[in-house]
């Protein structure tokens, strides 16, 4: 059975067509932006930067929930943070990067980016 995808019209090009975007695309953009921030070990659900290439882009939406309404979107992210990182500073950077990436790539207005810290990654600490 096919999974139902929510698709939203983000632009009407006045006579030549429309632009539609799936909510999963917004989630992938948010997930990519979040994992690029120093201090983010992975998305909750163990999606690391190294696994992205192996598992494919669809898995980047794991740990991300988006709600699109009209031309606005709210984002919720579940993150694993590297041990020793300042959680507040890292979260603020993630919020800024996700907001910027989603707005620049989709034209939607991001109303909020909520961060949930799922765990602290001790992997890097073990080698010290």
PDB file of N, CA and C in Angstrom:
ATOM      1  N   UNK A   1       0.842  -1.177   0.000  1.00  0.00           N
ATOM      2  CA  UNK A   1       0.000   0.000   0.000  1.00  0.00           C
ATOM      3  C   UNK A   1       0.886   1.239   0.000  1.00  0.00           C
ATOM      4  N   UNK A   2       0.572   2.166  -0.868  1.00  0.00           N
ATOM      5  CA  UNK A   2       1.381   3.384  -0.994  1.00  0.00           C
ATOM      6  C   UNK A   2       1.146   4.305   0.196  1.00  0.00           C
ATOM      7  N   UNK A   3       2.247   4.930   0.616  1.00  0.00           N
ATOM      8  CA  UNK A   3       2.187   5.872   1.731  1.00  0.00           C
ATOM      9  C   UNK A   3       1.612   7.196   1.227  1.00  0.00           C
ATOM     10  N   UNK A   4       0.665   7.768   1.960  1.00  0.00           N
ATOM     11  CA  UNK A   4       0.070   9.042   1.566  1.00  0.00           C
ATOM     12  C   UNK A   4       1.047  10.175   1.855  1.00  0.00           C
ATOM     13  N   UNK A   5       1.288  10.992   0.860  1.00  0.00           N
ATOM     14  CA  UNK A   5       2.185  12.131   1.008  1.00  0.00           C
ATOM     15  C   UNK A   5       1.360  13.408   0.968  1.00  0.00           C
ATOM     16  N   UNK A   6       1.670  14.317   1.862  1.00  0.00           N
ATOM     17  CA  UNK A   6       1.037  15.621   1.846  1.00  0.00           C
ATOM     18  C   UNK A   6       1.825  16.531   0.924  1.00  0.00           C
ATOM     19  N   UNK A   7       1.137  17.142  -0.029  1.00  0.00           N
ATOM     20  CA  UNK A   7       1.773  18.029  -0.999  1.00  0.00           C
ATOM     21  C   UNK A   7       1.092  19.384  -0.909  1.00  0.00           C
ATOM     22  N   UNK A   8       1.897  20.447  -0.974  1.00  0.00           N
ATOM     23  CA  UNK A   8       1.386  21.800  -0.817  1.00  0.00           C
ATOM     24  C   UNK A   8       1.803  22.664  -1.994  1.00  0.00           C
ATOM     25  N   UNK A   9       0.891  23.519  -2.431  1.00  0.00           N
ATOM     26  CA  UNK A   9       1.216  24.471  -3.484  1.00  0.00           C
ATOM     27  C   UNK A   9       1.976  25.624  -2.845  1.00  0.00           C
ATOM     28  N   UNK A  10       3.178  25.904  -3.334  1.00  0.00           N
ATOM     29  CA  UNK A  10       3.954  27.001  -2.768  1.00  0.00           C
ATOM     30  C   UNK A  10       4.025  28.198  -3.702  1.00  0.00           C
ATOM     31  N   UNK A  11       3.636  27.994  -4.983  1.00  0.00           N
ATOM     32  CA  UNK A  11       3.637  29.135  -5.886  1.00  0.00           C
ATOM     33  C   UNK A  11       2.748  28.847  -7.086  1.00  0.00           C
ATOM     34  N   UNK A  12       2.052  29.887  -7.532  1.00  0.00           N
ATOM     35  CA  UNK A  12       1.280  29.834  -8.762  1.00  0.00           C
ATOM     36  C   UNK A  12       1.993  30.762  -9.728  1.00  0.00           C
ATOM     37  N   UNK A  13       2.489  30.210 -10.816  1.00  0.00           N
ATOM     38  CA  UNK A  13       3.315  30.983 -11.728  1.00  0.00           C
ATOM     39  C   UNK A  13       2.499  31.738 -12.772  1.00  0.00           C
ATOM     40  N   UNK A  14       1.278  32.064 -12.453  1.00  0.00           N
ATOM     41  CA  UNK A  14       0.459  32.927 -13.301  1.00  0.00           C
ATOM     42  C   UNK A  14       0.338  32.495 -14.746  1.00  0.00           C
ATOM     43  N   UNK A  15      -0.365  31.417 -14.976  1.00  0.00           N
ATOM     44  CA  UNK A  15      -0.643  31.002 -16.341  1.00  0.00           C
ATOM     45  C   UNK A  15       0.290  29.937 -16.885  1.00  0.00           C
ATOM     46  N   UNK A  16       1.489  29.808 -16.324  1.00  0.00           N
ATOM     47  CA  UNK A  16       2.395  28.794 -16.861  1.00  0.00           C
ATOM     48  C   UNK A  16       2.514  27.568 -15.963  1.00  0.00           C
ATOM     49  N   UNK A  17       1.853  27.588 -14.818  1.00  0.00           N
ATOM     50  CA  UNK A  17       1.860  26.411 -13.961  1.00  0.00           C
ATOM     51  C   UNK A  17       1.989  26.744 -12.486  1.00  0.00           C
ATOM     52  N   UNK A  18       2.094  25.692 -11.693  1.00  0.00           N
ATOM     53  CA  UNK A  18       2.187  25.815 -10.243  1.00  0.00           C
ATOM     54  C   UNK A  18       3.399  25.035  -9.753  1.00  0.00           C
ATOM     55  N   UNK A  19       3.863  25.378  -8.554  1.00  0.00           N
ATOM     56  CA  UNK A  19       4.950  24.646  -7.906  1.00  0.00           C
ATOM     57  C   UNK A  19       4.377  24.016  -6.653  1.00  0.00           C
ATOM     58  N   UNK A  20       4.534  22.689  -6.532  1.00  0.00           N
ATOM     59  CA  UNK A  20       4.065  21.944  -5.369  1.00  0.00           C
ATOM     60  C   UNK A  20       5.260  21.319  -4.670  1.00  0.00           C
ATOM     61  N   UNK A  21       5.161  21.166  -3.357  1.00  0.00           N
ATOM     62  CA  UNK A  21       6.238  20.568  -2.577  1.00  0.00           C
ATOM     63  C   UNK A  21       5.636  19.601  -1.559  1.00  0.00           C
ATOM     64  N   UNK A  22       6.274  18.443  -1.406  1.00  0.00           N
ATOM     65  CA  UNK A  22       5.816  17.455  -0.435  1.00  0.00           C
ATOM     66  C   UNK A  22       6.388  17.806   0.932  1.00  0.00           C
ATOM     67  N   UNK A  23       5.636  17.502   1.982  1.00  0.00           N
ATOM     68  CA  UNK A  23       6.127  17.804   3.328  1.00  0.00           C
ATOM     69  C   UNK A  23       7.408  17.034   3.638  1.00  0.00           C
ATOM     70  N   UNK A  24       7.579  15.867   3.033  1.00  0.00           N
ATOM     71  CA  UNK A  24       8.807  15.104   3.234  1.00  0.00           C
ATOM     72  C   UNK A  24      10.029  15.855   2.698  1.00  0.00           C
ATOM     73  N   UNK A  25       9.851  16.625   1.640  1.00  0.00           N
ATOM     74  CA  UNK A  25      10.951  17.428   1.096  1.00  0.00           C
ATOM     75  C   UNK A  25      11.375  18.488   2.106  1.00  0.00           C
ATOM     76  N   UNK A  26      10.408  19.131   2.742  1.00  0.00           N
ATOM     77  CA  UNK A  26      10.717  20.121   3.774  1.00  0.00           C
ATOM     78  C   UNK A  26      11.449  19.451   4.931  1.00  0.00           C
ATOM     79  N   UNK A  27      11.022  18.242   5.302  1.00  0.00           N
ATOM     80  CA  UNK A  27      11.668  17.503   6.388  1.00  0.00           C
ATOM     81  C   UNK A  27      13.105  17.133   6.027  1.00  0.00           C
ATOM     82  N   UNK A  28      13.358  16.752   4.796  1.00  0.00           N
ATOM     83  CA  UNK A  28      14.710  16.410   4.358  1.00  0.00           C
ATOM     84  C   UNK A  28      15.613  17.635   4.403  1.00  0.00           C
ATOM     85  N   UNK A  29      15.110  18.770   3.933  1.00  0.00           N
ATOM     86  CA  UNK A  29      15.881  20.022   3.982  1.00  0.00           C
ATOM     87  C   UNK A  29      16.249  20.346   5.427  1.00  0.00           C
ATOM     88  N   UNK A  30      15.285  20.236   6.323  1.00  0.00           N
ATOM     89  CA  UNK A  30      15.526  20.532   7.738  1.00  0.00           C
ATOM     90  C   UNK A  30      16.533  19.552   8.334  1.00  0.00           C
ATOM     91  N   UNK A  31      16.407  18.264   8.015  1.00  0.00           N
ATOM     92  CA  UNK A  31      17.318  17.256   8.526  1.00  0.00           C
ATOM     93  C   UNK A  31      18.745  17.460   8.051  1.00  0.00           C
ATOM     94  N   UNK A  32      18.899  17.789   6.776  1.00  0.00           N
ATOM     95  CA  UNK A  32      20.238  18.066   6.242  1.00  0.00           C
ATOM     96  C   UNK A  32      20.866  19.272   6.920  1.00  0.00           C
ATOM     97  N   UNK A  33      20.099  20.345   7.048  1.00  0.00           N
ATOM     98  CA  UNK A  33      20.613  21.566   7.686  1.00  0.00           C
ATOM     99  C   UNK A  33      21.030  21.284   9.128  1.00  0.00           C
ATOM    100  N   UNK A  34      20.245  20.501   9.843  1.00  0.00           N
ATOM    101  CA  UNK A  34      20.552  20.197  11.246  1.00  0.00           C
ATOM    102  C   UNK A  34      21.817  19.371  11.381  1.00  0.00           C
ATOM    103  N   UNK A  35      21.995  18.355  10.535  1.00  0.00           N
ATOM    104  CA  UNK A  35      23.153  17.474  10.671  1.00  0.00           C
ATOM    105  C   UNK A  35      24.449  18.144  10.245  1.00  0.00           C
ATOM    106  N   UNK A  36      24.372  19.275   9.550  1.00  0.00           N
ATOM    107  CA  UNK A  36      25.576  20.001   9.151  1.00  0.00           C
ATOM    108  C   UNK A  36      26.137  20.868  10.273  1.00  0.00           C
ATOM    109  N   UNK A  37      25.411  21.016  11.371  1.00  0.00           N
ATOM    110  CA  UNK A  37      25.855  21.863  12.481  1.00  0.00           C
ATOM    111  C   UNK A  37      26.846  21.102  13.359  1.00  0.00           C
ATOM    112  N   UNK A  38      27.985  21.746  13.659  1.00  0.00           N
ATOM    113  CA  UNK A  38      28.955  21.152  14.579  1.00  0.00           C
ATOM    114  C   UNK A  38      28.300  20.940  15.932  1.00  0.00           C
ATOM    115  N   UNK A  39      28.487  19.764  16.496  1.00  0.00           N
ATOM    116  CA  UNK A  39      27.896  19.437  17.791  1.00  0.00           C
ATOM    117  C   UNK A  39      26.707  18.514  17.680  1.00  0.00           C
ATOM    118  N   UNK A  40      26.108  18.434  16.485  1.00  0.00           N
ATOM    119  CA  UNK A  40      25.004  17.499  16.274  1.00  0.00           C
ATOM    120  C   UNK A  40      25.617  16.173  15.850  1.00  0.00           C
ATOM    121  N   UNK A  41      25.486  15.168  16.714  1.00  0.00           N
ATOM    122  CA  UNK A  41      26.055  13.851  16.408  1.00  0.00           C
ATOM    123  C   UNK A  41      25.227  13.148  15.335  1.00  0.00           C
ATOM    124  N   UNK A  42      23.910  13.238  15.461  1.00  0.00           N
ATOM    125  CA  UNK A  42      23.015  12.587  14.511  1.00  0.00           C
ATOM    126  C   UNK A  42      21.583  13.012  14.802  1.00  0.00           C
ATOM    127  N   UNK A  43      20.715  12.639  13.887  1.00  0.00           N
ATOM    128  CA  UNK A  43      19.286  12.792  14.136  1.00  0.00           C
ATOM    129  C   UNK A  43      18.890  11.614  15.018  1.00  0.00           C
ATOM    130  N   UNK A  44      17.931  11.806  15.896  1.00  0.00           N
ATOM    131  CA  UNK A  44      17.453  10.685  16.704  1.00  0.00           C
ATOM    132  C   UNK A  44      16.948   9.615  15.749  1.00  0.00           C
ATOM    133  N   UNK A  45      17.282   8.389  16.029  1.00  0.00           N
ATOM    134  CA  UNK A  45      17.000   7.306  15.098  1.00  0.00           C
ATOM    135  C   UNK A  45      18.285   6.849  14.425  1.00  0.00           C
ATOM    136  N   UNK A  46      19.423   7.444  14.858  1.00  0.00           N
ATOM    137  CA  UNK A  46      20.760   7.036  14.438  1.00  0.00           C
ATOM    138  C   UNK A  46      21.059   7.316  12.978  1.00  0.00           C
ATOM    139  N   UNK A  47      20.578   8.418  12.447  1.00  0.00           N
ATOM    140  CA  UNK A  47      20.931   8.808  11.090  1.00  0.00           C
ATOM    141  C   UNK A  47      22.118   9.759  11.184  1.00  0.00           C
ATOM    142  N   UNK A  48      23.306   9.247  10.879  1.00  0.00           N
ATOM    143  CA  UNK A  48      24.517  10.057  10.957  1.00  0.00           C
ATOM    144  C   UNK A  48      24.899  10.552   9.570  1.00  0.00           C
ATOM    145  N   UNK A  49      25.818  11.485   9.524  1.00  0.00           N
ATOM    146  CA  UNK A  49      26.278  12.023   8.247  1.00  0.00           C
ATOM    147  C   UNK A  49      26.843  10.919   7.354  1.00  0.00           C
ATOM    148  N   UNK A  50      27.569   9.968   7.951  1.00  0.00           N
ATOM    149  CA  UNK A  50      28.177   8.889   7.173  1.00  0.00           C
ATOM    150  C   UNK A  50      27.133   7.943   6.587  1.00  0.00           C
ATOM    151  N   UNK A  51      26.039   7.760   7.316  1.00  0.00           N
ATOM    152  CA  UNK A  51      25.006   6.837   6.850  1.00  0.00           C
ATOM    153  C   UNK A  51      24.131   7.412   5.740  1.00  0.00           C
ATOM    154  N   UNK A  52      24.137   8.733   5.593  1.00  0.00           N
ATOM    155  CA  UNK A  52      23.269   9.361   4.603  1.00  0.00           C
ATOM    156  C   UNK A  52      23.535   8.789   3.221  1.00  0.00           C
ATOM    157  N   UNK A  53      24.791   8.691   2.847  1.00  0.00           N
ATOM    158  CA  UNK A  53      25.143   8.166   1.537  1.00  0.00           C
ATOM    159  C   UNK A  53      24.725   6.722   1.343  1.00  0.00           C
ATOM    160  N   UNK A  54      24.847   5.936   2.401  1.00  0.00           N
ATOM    161  CA  UNK A  54      24.515   4.518   2.313  1.00  0.00           C
ATOM    162  C   UNK A  54      23.016   4.260   2.319  1.00  0.00           C
ATOM    163  N   UNK A  55      22.293   5.022   3.105  1.00  0.00           N
ATOM    164  CA  UNK A  55      20.867   4.749   3.284  1.00  0.00           C
ATOM    165  C   UNK A  55      19.963   5.520   2.334  1.00  0.00           C
ATOM    166  N   UNK A  56      20.435   6.599   1.782  1.00  0.00           N
ATOM    167  CA  UNK A  56      19.630   7.378   0.861  1.00  0.00           C
ATOM    168  C   UNK A  56      18.972   8.569   1.516  1.00  0.00           C
ATOM    169  N   UNK A  57      18.476   9.472   0.684  1.00  0.00           N
ATOM    170  CA  UNK A  57      17.919  10.730   1.149  1.00  0.00           C
ATOM    171  C   UNK A  57      16.632  10.566   1.941  1.00  0.00           C
ATOM    172  N   UNK A  58      15.834   9.557   1.647  1.00  0.00           N
ATOM    173  CA  UNK A  58      14.554   9.387   2.330  1.00  0.00           C
ATOM    174  C   UNK A  58      14.739   9.285   3.841  1.00  0.00           C
ATOM    175  N   UNK A  59      15.837   8.702   4.293  1.00  0.00           N
ATOM    176  CA  UNK A  59      16.085   8.537   5.718  1.00  0.00           C
ATOM    177  C   UNK A  59      16.428   9.839   6.431  1.00  0.00           C
ATOM    178  N   UNK A  60      16.707  10.892   5.681  1.00  0.00           N
ATOM    179  CA  UNK A  60      17.020  12.173   6.306  1.00  0.00           C
ATOM    180  C   UNK A  60      15.810  12.788   6.991  1.00  0.00           C
ATOM    181  N   UNK A  61      14.635  12.315   6.667  1.00  0.00           N
ATOM    182  CA  UNK A  61      13.446  12.862   7.316  1.00  0.00           C
ATOM    183  C   UNK A  61      13.164  12.181   8.656  1.00  0.00           C
ATOM    184  N   UNK A  62      13.942  11.159   9.013  1.00  0.00           N
ATOM    185  CA  UNK A  62      13.782  10.511  10.317  1.00  0.00           C
ATOM    186  C   UNK A  62      14.163  11.503  11.401  1.00  0.00           C
ATOM    187  N   UNK A  63      13.368  11.565  12.447  1.00  0.00           N
ATOM    188  CA  UNK A  63      13.651  12.499  13.537  1.00  0.00           C
ATOM    189  C   UNK A  63      13.192  13.914  13.252  1.00  0.00           C
ATOM    190  N   UNK A  64      12.480  14.109  12.145  1.00  0.00           N
ATOM    191  CA  UNK A  64      11.991  15.438  11.765  1.00  0.00           C
ATOM    192  C   UNK A  64      10.486  15.363  11.547  1.00  0.00           C
ATOM    193  N   UNK A  65       9.781  16.324  12.104  1.00  0.00           N
ATOM    194  CA  UNK A  65       8.338  16.435  11.889  1.00  0.00           C
ATOM    195  C   UNK A  65       8.058  17.854  11.427  1.00  0.00           C
ATOM    196  N   UNK A  66       7.328  17.984  10.333  1.00  0.00           N
ATOM    197  CA  UNK A  66       6.974  19.307   9.833  1.00  0.00           C
ATOM    198  C   UNK A  66       5.462  19.430   9.729  1.00  0.00           C
ATOM    199  N   UNK A  67       4.983  20.632   9.948  1.00  0.00           N
ATOM    200  CA  UNK A  67       3.560  20.927   9.775  1.00  0.00           C
ATOM    201  C   UNK A  67       3.461  22.172   8.896  1.00  0.00           C
ATOM    202  N   UNK A  68       2.950  21.968   7.680  1.00  0.00           N
ATOM    203  CA  UNK A  68       2.804  23.068   6.731  1.00  0.00           C
ATOM    204  C   UNK A  68       1.359  23.521   6.738  1.00  0.00           C
ATOM    205  N   UNK A  69       1.167  24.829   6.879  1.00  0.00           N
ATOM    206  CA  UNK A  69      -0.172  25.392   6.835  1.00  0.00           C
ATOM    207  C   UNK A  69      -0.103  26.688   6.045  1.00  0.00           C
ATOM    208  N   UNK A  70      -0.859  26.726   4.963  1.00  0.00           N
ATOM    209  CA  UNK A  70      -0.822  27.855   4.031  1.00  0.00           C
ATOM    210  C   UNK A  70       0.613  28.055   3.556  1.00  0.00           C
ATOM    211  N   UNK A  71       1.216  29.195   3.862  1.00  0.00           N
ATOM    212  CA  UNK A  71       2.596  29.435   3.419  1.00  0.00           C
ATOM    213  C   UNK A  71       3.570  29.471   4.597  1.00  0.00           C
ATOM    214  N   UNK A  72       3.197  28.805   5.699  1.00  0.00           N
ATOM    215  CA  UNK A  72       4.082  28.740   6.866  1.00  0.00           C
ATOM    216  C   UNK A  72       4.352  27.283   7.232  1.00  0.00           C
ATOM    217  N   UNK A  73       5.440  27.081   7.960  1.00  0.00           N
ATOM    218  CA  UNK A  73       5.807  25.731   8.379  1.00  0.00           C
ATOM    219  C   UNK A  73       6.418  25.783   9.775  1.00  0.00           C
ATOM    220  N   UNK A  74       6.081  24.775  10.586  1.00  0.00           N
ATOM    221  CA  UNK A  74       6.749  24.603  11.875  1.00  0.00           C
ATOM    222  C   UNK A  74       7.503  23.283  11.805  1.00  0.00           C
ATOM    223  N   UNK A  75       8.666  23.257  12.466  1.00  0.00           N
ATOM    224  CA  UNK A  75       9.562  22.108  12.386  1.00  0.00           C
ATOM    225  C   UNK A  75       9.883  21.615  13.791  1.00  0.00           C
ATOM    226  N   UNK A  76       9.877  20.302  13.965  1.00  0.00           N
ATOM    227  CA  UNK A  76      10.315  19.679  15.219  1.00  0.00           C
ATOM    228  C   UNK A  76      11.430  18.704  14.874  1.00  0.00           C
ATOM    229  N   UNK A  77      12.560  18.834  15.597  1.00  0.00           N
ATOM    230  CA  UNK A  77      13.723  17.991  15.355  1.00  0.00           C
ATOM    231  C   UNK A  77      14.092  17.217  16.610  1.00  0.00           C
ATOM    232  N   UNK A  78      14.420  15.948  16.453  1.00  0.00           N
ATOM    233  CA  UNK A  78      14.924  15.112  17.540  1.00  0.00           C
ATOM    234  C   UNK A  78      16.391  14.846  17.256  1.00  0.00           C
ATOM    235  N   UNK A  79      17.261  15.377  18.127  1.00  0.00           N
ATOM    236  CA  UNK A  79      18.695  15.332  17.878  1.00  0.00           C
ATOM    237  C   UNK A  79      19.464  14.585  18.953  1.00  0.00           C
ATOM    238  N   UNK A  80      20.596  14.034  18.552  1.00  0.00           N
ATOM    239  CA  UNK A  80      21.590  13.498  19.465  1.00  0.00           C
ATOM    240  C   UNK A  80      22.765  14.462  19.425  1.00  0.00           C
ATOM    241  N   UNK A  81      23.175  14.958  20.579  1.00  0.00           N
ATOM    242  CA  UNK A  81      24.229  15.963  20.677  1.00  0.00           C
ATOM    243  C   UNK A  81      25.536  15.304  21.108  1.00  0.00           C
ATOM    244  N   UNK A  82      26.654  15.801  20.578  1.00  0.00           N
ATOM    245  CA  UNK A  82      27.967  15.291  20.979  1.00  0.00           C
ATOM    246  C   UNK A  82      28.252  15.683  22.426  1.00  0.00           C
ATOM    247  N   UNK A  83      28.854  14.760  23.171  1.00  0.00           N
ATOM    248  CA  UNK A  83      29.222  15.016  24.560  1.00  0.00           C
ATOM    249  C   UNK A  83      30.194  16.196  24.622  1.00  0.00           C
ATOM    250  N   UNK A  84      29.987  17.070  25.609  1.00  0.00           N
ATOM    251  CA  UNK A  84      30.874  18.205  25.820  1.00  0.00           C
ATOM    252  C   UNK A  84      30.441  19.470  25.097  1.00  0.00           C
ATOM    253  N   UNK A  85      29.459  19.381  24.232  1.00  0.00           N
ATOM    254  CA  UNK A  85      28.968  20.544  23.491  1.00  0.00           C
ATOM    255  C   UNK A  85      27.939  21.294  24.323  1.00  0.00           C
ATOM    256  N   UNK A  86      27.890  22.591  24.146  1.00  0.00           N
ATOM    257  CA  UNK A  86      26.892  23.408  24.817  1.00  0.00           C
ATOM    258  C   UNK A  86      25.554  23.177  24.106  1.00  0.00           C
ATOM    259  N   UNK A  87      24.611  22.586  24.795  1.00  0.00           N
ATOM    260  CA  UNK A  87      23.330  22.224  24.190  1.00  0.00           C
ATOM    261  C   UNK A  87      22.563  23.459  23.718  1.00  0.00           C
ATOM    262  N   UNK A  88      22.545  24.516  24.527  1.00  0.00           N
ATOM    263  CA  UNK A  88      21.801  25.714  24.141  1.00  0.00           C
ATOM    264  C   UNK A  88      22.397  26.382  22.908  1.00  0.00           C
ATOM    265  N   UNK A  89      23.716  26.521  22.869  1.00  0.00           N
ATOM    266  CA  UNK A  89      24.356  27.150  21.704  1.00  0.00           C
ATOM    267  C   UNK A  89      24.176  26.305  20.449  1.00  0.00           C
ATOM    268  N   UNK A  90      24.361  24.998  20.585  1.00  0.00           N
ATOM    269  CA  UNK A  90      24.192  24.103  19.443  1.00  0.00           C
ATOM    270  C   UNK A  90      22.760  24.144  18.933  1.00  0.00           C
ATOM    271  N   UNK A  91      21.794  24.117  19.848  1.00  0.00           N
ATOM    272  CA  UNK A  91      20.382  24.156  19.466  1.00  0.00           C
ATOM    273  C   UNK A  91      20.033  25.460  18.762  1.00  0.00           C
ATOM    274  N   UNK A  92      20.554  26.569  19.259  1.00  0.00           N
ATOM    275  CA  UNK A  92      20.299  27.877  18.633  1.00  0.00           C
ATOM    276  C   UNK A  92      20.842  27.911  17.206  1.00  0.00           C
ATOM    277  N   UNK A  93      22.042  27.365  17.018  1.00  0.00           N
ATOM    278  CA  UNK A  93      22.632  27.313  15.677  1.00  0.00           C
ATOM    279  C   UNK A  93      21.788  26.435  14.755  1.00  0.00           C
ATOM    280  N   UNK A  94      21.328  25.292  15.264  1.00  0.00           N
ATOM    281  CA  UNK A  94      20.465  24.411  14.468  1.00  0.00           C
ATOM    282  C   UNK A  94      19.191  25.150  14.072  1.00  0.00           C
ATOM    283  N   UNK A  95      18.566  25.844  15.023  1.00  0.00           N
ATOM    284  CA  UNK A  95      17.338  26.582  14.724  1.00  0.00           C
ATOM    285  C   UNK A  95      17.562  27.612  13.619  1.00  0.00           C
ATOM    286  N   UNK A  96      18.657  28.351  13.715  1.00  0.00           N
ATOM    287  CA  UNK A  96      18.953  29.380  12.709  1.00  0.00           C
ATOM    288  C   UNK A  96      19.205  28.766  11.337  1.00  0.00           C
ATOM    289  N   UNK A  97      19.994  27.691  11.299  1.00  0.00           N
ATOM    290  CA  UNK A  97      20.337  27.052  10.022  1.00  0.00           C
ATOM    291  C   UNK A  97      19.114  26.406   9.363  1.00  0.00           C
ATOM    292  N   UNK A  98      18.293  25.741  10.175  1.00  0.00           N
ATOM    293  CA  UNK A  98      17.102  25.084   9.633  1.00  0.00           C
ATOM    294  C   UNK A  98      16.136  26.130   9.089  1.00  0.00           C
ATOM    295  N   UNK A  99      15.901  27.180   9.847  1.00  0.00           N
ATOM    296  CA  UNK A  99      15.001  28.256   9.416  1.00  0.00           C
ATOM    297  C   UNK A  99      15.486  28.851   8.102  1.00  0.00           C
ATOM    298  N   UNK A 100      16.766  29.165   8.027  1.00  0.00           N
ATOM    299  CA  UNK A 100      17.341  29.760   6.822  1.00  0.00           C
ATOM    300  C   UNK A 100      17.233  28.821   5.625  1.00  0.00           C
ATOM    301  N   UNK A 101      17.599  27.559   5.808  1.00  0.00           N
ATOM    302  CA  UNK A 101      17.579  26.599   4.705  1.00  0.00           C
ATOM    303  C   UNK A 101      16.168  26.382   4.167  1.00  0.00           C
ATOM    304  N   UNK A 102      15.215  26.167   5.064  1.00  0.00           N
ATOM    305  CA  UNK A 102      13.839  25.921   4.627  1.00  0.00           C
ATOM    306  C   UNK A 102      13.262  27.146   3.929  1.00  0.00           C
ATOM    307  N   UNK A 103      13.462  28.319   4.508  1.00  0.00           N
ATOM    308  CA  UNK A 103      12.919  29.534   3.894  1.00  0.00           C
ATOM    309  C   UNK A 103      13.566  29.828   2.543  1.00  0.00           C
ATOM    310  N   UNK A 104      14.885  29.677   2.448  1.00  0.00           N
ATOM    311  CA  UNK A 104      15.576  29.970   1.189  1.00  0.00           C
ATOM    312  C   UNK A 104      15.234  28.980   0.088  1.00  0.00           C
ATOM    313  N   UNK A 105      15.054  27.720   0.450  1.00  0.00           N
ATOM    314  CA  UNK A 105      14.817  26.701  -0.575  1.00  0.00           C
ATOM    315  C   UNK A 105      13.356  26.550  -0.975  1.00  0.00           C
ATOM    316  N   UNK A 106      12.433  26.889  -0.074  1.00  0.00           N
ATOM    317  CA  UNK A 106      11.015  26.649  -0.372  1.00  0.00           C
ATOM    318  C   UNK A 106      10.184  27.919  -0.529  1.00  0.00           C
ATOM    319  N   UNK A 107      10.634  29.022   0.056  1.00  0.00           N
ATOM    320  CA  UNK A 107       9.830  30.240   0.048  1.00  0.00           C
ATOM    321  C   UNK A 107       8.784  30.254   1.147  1.00  0.00           C
ATOM    322  N   UNK A 108       8.685  29.165   1.914  1.00  0.00           N
ATOM    323  CA  UNK A 108       7.756  29.122   3.041  1.00  0.00           C
ATOM    324  C   UNK A 108       8.349  29.904   4.209  1.00  0.00           C
ATOM    325  N   UNK A 109       7.495  30.436   5.077  1.00  0.00           N
ATOM    326  CA  UNK A 109       7.943  31.132   6.271  1.00  0.00           C
ATOM    327  C   UNK A 109       7.961  30.144   7.435  1.00  0.00           C
ATOM    328  N   UNK A 110       9.115  30.023   8.076  1.00  0.00           N
ATOM    329  CA  UNK A 110       9.249  29.127   9.229  1.00  0.00           C
ATOM    330  C   UNK A 110       8.811  29.881  10.473  1.00  0.00           C
ATOM    331  N   UNK A 111       7.774  29.379  11.131  1.00  0.00           N
ATOM    332  CA  UNK A 111       7.248  30.046  12.325  1.00  0.00           C
ATOM    333  C   UNK A 111       7.957  29.590  13.586  1.00  0.00           C
ATOM    334  N   UNK A 112       8.429  28.321  13.606  1.00  0.00           N
ATOM    335  CA  UNK A 112       9.153  27.825  14.767  1.00  0.00           C
ATOM    336  C   UNK A 112       9.973  26.601  14.395  1.00  0.00           C
ATOM    337  N   UNK A 113      11.092  26.449  15.124  1.00  0.00           N
ATOM    338  CA  UNK A 113      11.924  25.254  15.015  1.00  0.00           C
ATOM    339  C   UNK A 113      12.137  24.768  16.439  1.00  0.00           C
ATOM    340  N   UNK A 114      11.453  23.699  16.793  1.00  0.00           N
ATOM    341  CA  UNK A 114      11.544  23.135  18.141  1.00  0.00           C
ATOM    342  C   UNK A 114      12.551  21.995  18.149  1.00  0.00           C
ATOM    343  N   UNK A 115      13.439  22.021  19.145  1.00  0.00           N
ATOM    344  CA  UNK A 115      14.502  21.029  19.265  1.00  0.00           C
ATOM    345  C   UNK A 115      14.222  20.135  20.468  1.00  0.00           C
ATOM    346  N   UNK A 116      14.311  18.832  20.263  1.00  0.00           N
ATOM    347  CA  UNK A 116      14.204  17.855  21.338  1.00  0.00           C
ATOM    348  C   UNK A 116      15.527  17.096  21.374  1.00  0.00           C
ATOM    349  N   UNK A 117      16.242  17.171  22.483  1.00  0.00           N
ATOM    350  CA  UNK A 117      17.497  16.443  22.610  1.00  0.00           C
ATOM    351  C   UNK A 117      17.166  15.027  23.081  1.00  0.00           C
ATOM    352  N   UNK A 118      17.428  14.053  22.226  1.00  0.00           N
ATOM    353  CA  UNK A 118      17.088  12.664  22.520  1.00  0.00           C
ATOM    354  C   UNK A 118      18.176  11.986  23.336  1.00  0.00           C
ATOM    355  N   UNK A 119      19.446  12.344  23.073  1.00  0.00           N
ATOM    356  CA  UNK A 119      20.541  11.726  23.820  1.00  0.00           C
ATOM    357  C   UNK A 119      21.825  12.512  23.633  1.00  0.00           C
ATOM    358  N   UNK A 120      22.828  12.120  24.395  1.00  0.00           N
ATOM    359  CA  UNK A 120      24.175  12.675  24.283  1.00  0.00           C
ATOM    360  C   UNK A 120      25.066  11.563  23.754  1.00  0.00           C
ATOM    361  N   UNK A 121      25.777  11.850  22.670  1.00  0.00           N
ATOM    362  CA  UNK A 121      26.639  10.860  22.037  1.00  0.00           C
ATOM    363  C   UNK A 121      27.992  10.837  22.728  1.00  0.00           C
ATOM    364  N   UNK A 122      28.329   9.701  23.345  1.00  0.00           N
ATOM    365  CA  UNK A 122      29.592   9.548  24.066  1.00  0.00           C
ATOM    366  C   UNK A 122      30.673   8.927  23.180  1.00  0.00           C
ATOM    367  N   UNK A 123      30.375   8.629  21.936  1.00  0.00           N
ATOM    368  CA  UNK A 123      31.290   7.924  21.041  1.00  0.00           C
ATOM    369  C   UNK A 123      32.650   8.615  20.926  1.00  0.00           C
ATOM    370  N   UNK A 124      32.663   9.936  20.727  1.00  0.00           N
ATOM    371  CA  UNK A 124      33.918  10.667  20.576  1.00  0.00           C
ATOM    372  C   UNK A 124      34.698  10.736  21.882  1.00  0.00           C
ATOM    373  N   UNK A 125      34.004  10.668  23.002  1.00  0.00           N
ATOM    374  CA  UNK A 125      34.645  10.754  24.308  1.00  0.00           C
ATOM    375  C   UNK A 125      35.421   9.466  24.628  1.00  0.00           C
ATOM    376  N   UNK A 126      34.997   8.349  24.065  1.00  0.00           N
ATOM    377  CA  UNK A 126      35.631   7.071  24.368  1.00  0.00           C
ATOM    378  C   UNK A 126      37.076   7.013  23.886  1.00  0.00           C
ATOM    379  N   UNK A 127      37.352   7.687  22.760  1.00  0.00           N
ATOM    380  CA  UNK A 127      38.698   7.645  22.186  1.00  0.00           C
ATOM    381  C   UNK A 127      39.693   8.531  22.907  1.00  0.00           C
ATOM    382  N   UNK A 128      39.273   9.341  23.852  1.00  0.00           N
ATOM    383  CA  UNK A 128      40.172  10.276  24.532  1.00  0.00           C
ATOM    384  C   UNK A 128      40.861   9.637  25.702  1.00  0.00           C
TER     385      UNK A 128
END
